[in-house]
């Protein structure tokens, strides 16, 4: 899978797909696509234990499960919507990402204790 594959999924989720005829929107999004993709990629990579922490290009290949790719697309959709001032879409996809990303965590138990500082 590539960053561009995830970008196309995110654009589809938002209804901003390239075939909608709005080339100005598409060009604006493509100019900021790599930094926005890396924002989510870093989070997904950390949660999934991936070695590479950022993409140098949207064409970089990486291994990711279908479930993680879906979560990735939701997160990227949220960031794209925010960058475009689409508040309703941003709120929806940010909430969806926050909910779905918890399913990727490898942590199965959480200790309920306060740390005691050493003096």
Protein backbone atom coordinates (compact mmCIF):
# COMPACT_ATOMS: atom_id res chain seq x y z
CA UNK A 1 0.00 0.00 0.00
CA UNK A 2 1.12 3.60 -0.56
CA UNK A 3 0.30 6.96 0.95
CA UNK A 4 -1.48 7.81 -2.29
CA UNK A 5 -3.76 4.77 -1.86
CA UNK A 6 -4.76 6.04 1.59
CA UNK A 7 -5.17 9.59 0.25
CA UNK A 8 -7.57 8.38 -2.44
CA UNK A 9 -9.61 6.49 0.19
CA UNK A 10 -9.76 9.61 2.38
CA UNK A 11 -10.83 11.79 -0.55
CA UNK A 12 -13.54 9.26 -1.35
CA UNK A 13 -14.79 9.33 2.25
CA UNK A 14 -15.05 13.11 2.05
CA UNK A 15 -16.62 13.16 -1.39
CA UNK A 16 -13.64 15.15 -2.67
CA UNK A 17 -12.65 12.49 -5.21
CA UNK A 18 -10.70 13.67 -8.27
CA UNK A 19 -13.51 12.80 -10.65
CA UNK A 20 -15.77 15.51 -9.19
CA UNK A 21 -14.35 18.05 -11.62
CA UNK A 22 -13.07 20.46 -8.97
CA UNK A 23 -9.42 20.64 -10.00
CA UNK A 24 -8.65 23.61 -7.71
CA UNK A 25 -9.70 21.60 -4.66
CA UNK A 26 -7.70 18.60 -5.83
CA UNK A 27 -4.55 20.68 -6.43
CA UNK A 28 -4.87 22.41 -3.04
CA UNK A 29 -5.17 19.08 -1.25
CA UNK A 30 -2.30 17.50 -3.19
CA UNK A 31 0.01 20.36 -2.16
CA UNK A 32 -0.49 19.56 1.52
CA UNK A 33 -1.14 15.82 1.21
CA UNK A 34 2.28 14.52 2.31
CA UNK A 35 2.50 16.46 5.59
CA UNK A 36 -1.11 15.59 6.46
CA UNK A 37 -0.52 11.94 5.59
CA UNK A 38 2.58 11.87 7.78
CA UNK A 39 0.61 13.25 10.75
CA UNK A 40 -1.60 10.18 10.72
CA UNK A 41 1.06 7.74 9.49
CA UNK A 42 3.25 8.44 12.54
CA UNK A 43 0.38 7.61 14.87
CA UNK A 44 -0.62 4.47 12.97
CA UNK A 45 3.01 3.32 12.65
CA UNK A 46 3.56 3.65 16.39
CA UNK A 47 0.36 1.81 17.24
CA UNK A 48 0.98 -1.00 14.75
CA UNK A 49 4.69 -1.37 15.55
CA UNK A 50 5.85 -0.35 12.08
CA UNK A 51 9.56 0.44 11.75
CA UNK A 52 9.31 3.41 9.38
CA UNK A 53 7.91 6.47 11.15
CA UNK A 54 7.32 8.80 8.20
CA UNK A 55 6.85 8.76 4.46
CA UNK A 56 9.23 10.61 2.15
CA UNK A 57 6.75 10.46 -0.71
CA UNK A 58 3.12 9.48 -1.23
CA UNK A 59 4.46 6.68 -3.42
CA UNK A 60 6.42 5.03 -0.57
CA UNK A 61 5.31 1.44 -0.04
CA UNK A 62 4.43 0.12 3.43
CA UNK A 63 2.76 -2.95 4.88
CA UNK A 64 -0.48 -2.32 6.73
CA UNK A 65 -3.54 -4.39 7.56
CA UNK A 66 -6.88 -3.60 5.94
CA UNK A 67 -8.23 -2.59 9.35
CA UNK A 68 -5.33 -0.17 9.93
CA UNK A 69 -5.73 1.23 6.40
CA UNK A 70 -9.39 2.01 7.13
CA UNK A 71 -8.43 3.78 10.37
CA UNK A 72 -5.65 5.63 8.53
CA UNK A 73 -8.12 6.86 5.88
CA UNK A 74 -10.52 8.14 8.57
CA UNK A 75 -7.75 10.09 10.28
CA UNK A 76 -6.47 11.55 7.04
CA UNK A 77 -10.02 12.51 6.04
CA UNK A 78 -10.33 14.42 9.31
CA UNK A 79 -7.10 16.35 8.75
CA UNK A 80 -7.97 17.15 5.12
CA UNK A 81 -11.43 18.39 6.12
CA UNK A 82 -9.89 20.58 8.83
CA UNK A 83 -7.37 22.04 6.37
CA UNK A 84 -10.23 22.88 4.01
CA UNK A 85 -12.39 24.51 6.70
CA UNK A 86 -15.03 21.79 6.38
CA UNK A 87 -15.99 21.80 10.08
CA UNK A 88 -18.80 19.24 9.92
CA UNK A 89 -16.70 16.69 8.03
CA UNK A 90 -13.74 17.38 10.30
CA UNK A 91 -15.80 16.78 13.45
CA UNK A 92 -17.24 13.56 12.07
CA UNK A 93 -13.99 12.04 10.78
CA UNK A 94 -11.94 13.15 13.79
CA UNK A 95 -14.44 11.42 16.10
CA UNK A 96 -14.49 8.35 13.87
CA UNK A 97 -10.68 8.21 13.88
CA UNK A 98 -10.51 8.59 17.66
CA UNK A 99 -12.95 5.72 18.07
CA UNK A 100 -11.39 3.40 15.50
CA UNK A 101 -7.75 3.99 16.42
CA UNK A 102 -8.30 2.39 19.83
CA UNK A 103 -8.91 -0.92 18.05
CA UNK A 104 -5.31 -0.88 16.78
CA UNK A 105 -3.64 -0.65 20.19
CA UNK A 106 -1.54 -3.61 21.23
CA UNK A 107 -2.01 -2.73 24.89
CA UNK A 108 -4.49 -5.16 26.41
CA UNK A 109 -4.36 -4.13 30.06
CA UNK A 110 -4.01 -0.79 31.77
CA UNK A 111 -2.59 -0.42 35.27
CA UNK A 112 -4.61 1.88 37.46
CA UNK A 113 -1.93 3.36 39.68
CA UNK A 114 -0.23 6.65 40.31
CA UNK A 115 3.50 6.76 39.74
CA UNK A 116 5.59 7.48 42.82
CA UNK A 117 8.45 9.85 42.07
CA UNK A 118 11.89 8.95 43.36
CA UNK A 119 13.70 11.66 45.32
